[in-house]
């Protein structure tokens, strides 16, 4: 019977860096505000994965507490941001990120 070793923290940190890079490329390349919003959320989750990995590695609860607060703030951000994006899409079909500059007063 072959037992597989559990992945170490390097695997989780590599995955986190990859997810953050995908989110960054998505924000920089895509012009759809909804896709950009999802890419920002992907970047937040990548940072959360880093916090949890380092908190477990250092045997410290501080990283997991930070993740809890980031998730609470991200939930509030989703409510407000998604509401704004949906209202913009209702007024203008096919809105892009370039059109968001029209919101300036």
Protein backbone atom coordinates (compact mmCIF):
# COMPACT_ATOMS: atom_id res chain seq x y z
CA UNK A 1 0.00 0.00 0.00
CA UNK A 2 1.42 3.35 -1.08
CA UNK A 3 0.70 6.34 1.11
CA UNK A 4 0.78 9.73 -0.52
CA UNK A 5 2.37 12.54 1.42
CA UNK A 6 0.23 15.56 2.20
CA UNK A 7 1.12 18.66 0.20
CA UNK A 8 3.37 21.03 2.06
CA UNK A 9 2.97 24.78 2.44
CA UNK A 10 4.97 25.36 -0.74
CA UNK A 11 2.14 23.86 -2.77
CA UNK A 12 -0.43 26.15 -1.18
CA UNK A 13 1.74 29.23 -1.60
CA UNK A 14 2.37 28.34 -5.24
CA UNK A 15 -1.35 27.87 -5.81
CA UNK A 16 -2.00 31.20 -4.12
CA UNK A 17 0.55 32.97 -6.32
CA UNK A 18 -0.96 31.37 -9.42
CA UNK A 19 -4.50 32.42 -8.45
CA UNK A 20 -3.32 35.95 -7.69
CA UNK A 21 -1.55 36.14 -11.07
CA UNK A 22 -4.68 34.94 -12.88
CA UNK A 23 -6.74 37.56 -11.06
CA UNK A 24 -4.24 40.30 -11.89
CA UNK A 25 -4.17 39.38 -15.57
CA UNK A 26 -7.97 39.28 -15.60
CA UNK A 27 -8.24 42.77 -14.11
CA UNK A 28 -5.67 44.20 -16.51
CA UNK A 29 -6.93 42.56 -19.70
CA UNK A 30 -10.70 42.23 -19.43
CA UNK A 31 -12.96 45.26 -19.91
CA UNK A 32 -16.18 43.74 -18.57
CA UNK A 33 -16.79 45.19 -15.08
CA UNK A 34 -18.40 42.00 -13.81
CA UNK A 35 -15.42 39.87 -14.88
CA UNK A 36 -13.04 42.42 -13.39
CA UNK A 37 -14.99 42.29 -10.14
CA UNK A 38 -14.73 38.49 -10.05
CA UNK A 39 -10.98 38.73 -10.71
CA UNK A 40 -10.57 41.08 -7.74
CA UNK A 41 -12.44 38.55 -5.59
CA UNK A 42 -10.12 35.82 -6.89
CA UNK A 43 -7.15 37.93 -5.83
CA UNK A 44 -8.65 38.40 -2.35
CA UNK A 45 -9.14 34.66 -2.00
CA UNK A 46 -5.53 34.06 -3.07
CA UNK A 47 -4.34 36.36 -0.31
CA UNK A 48 -6.64 34.56 2.14
CA UNK A 49 -5.08 31.25 1.16
CA UNK A 50 -1.64 32.72 1.83
CA UNK A 51 -2.74 33.99 5.24
CA UNK A 52 -4.17 30.61 6.24
CA UNK A 53 -1.11 28.74 4.99
CA UNK A 54 1.31 30.95 6.88
CA UNK A 55 -0.86 30.94 10.00
CA UNK A 56 -0.86 27.15 9.99
CA UNK A 57 2.87 27.01 9.30
CA UNK A 58 3.71 29.46 12.09
CA UNK A 59 1.10 27.95 14.42
CA UNK A 60 -0.44 31.38 14.93
CA UNK A 61 -4.12 32.25 14.98
CA UNK A 62 -3.56 35.82 13.74
CA UNK A 63 -3.59 34.90 10.06
CA UNK A 64 -6.90 33.11 10.36
CA UNK A 65 -8.41 36.05 12.23
CA UNK A 66 -7.21 38.35 9.43
CA UNK A 67 -8.89 36.05 6.89
CA UNK A 68 -12.14 36.28 8.84
CA UNK A 69 -12.06 40.08 8.69
CA UNK A 70 -11.11 40.07 4.99
CA UNK A 71 -14.07 37.79 4.25
CA UNK A 72 -16.44 40.09 6.14
CA UNK A 73 -15.19 43.16 4.26
CA UNK A 74 -15.30 41.24 0.96
CA UNK A 75 -18.93 40.28 1.60
CA UNK A 76 -19.84 43.93 2.12
CA UNK A 77 -17.86 44.85 -0.98
CA UNK A 78 -19.74 42.28 -3.02
CA UNK A 79 -23.10 43.67 -1.93
CA UNK A 80 -22.23 47.28 -2.77
CA UNK A 81 -20.10 46.59 -5.85
CA UNK A 82 -22.49 44.12 -7.40
CA UNK A 83 -25.39 46.51 -6.82
CA UNK A 84 -23.54 49.27 -8.64
CA UNK A 85 -22.51 47.02 -11.51
CA UNK A 86 -26.02 45.61 -11.96
CA UNK A 87 -27.54 49.11 -11.96
CA UNK A 88 -25.05 50.22 -14.61
CA UNK A 89 -25.83 47.18 -16.76
CA UNK A 90 -29.56 47.88 -16.49
CA UNK A 91 -29.08 51.41 -17.81
CA UNK A 92 -26.52 50.60 -20.49
CA UNK A 93 -26.40 47.26 -22.21
CA UNK A 94 -22.85 46.13 -22.96
CA UNK A 95 -21.15 48.57 -20.59
CA UNK A 96 -17.37 48.30 -20.32
CA UNK A 97 -14.87 49.48 -17.74
CA UNK A 98 -14.15 52.52 -19.93
CA UNK A 99 -17.78 53.59 -19.50
CA UNK A 100 -17.39 53.68 -15.71
CA UNK A 101 -15.48 56.95 -16.05
CA UNK A 102 -18.85 58.54 -16.84
CA UNK A 103 -19.77 58.12 -13.17
CA UNK A 104 -17.46 60.97 -12.21
CA UNK A 105 -19.45 63.99 -11.08
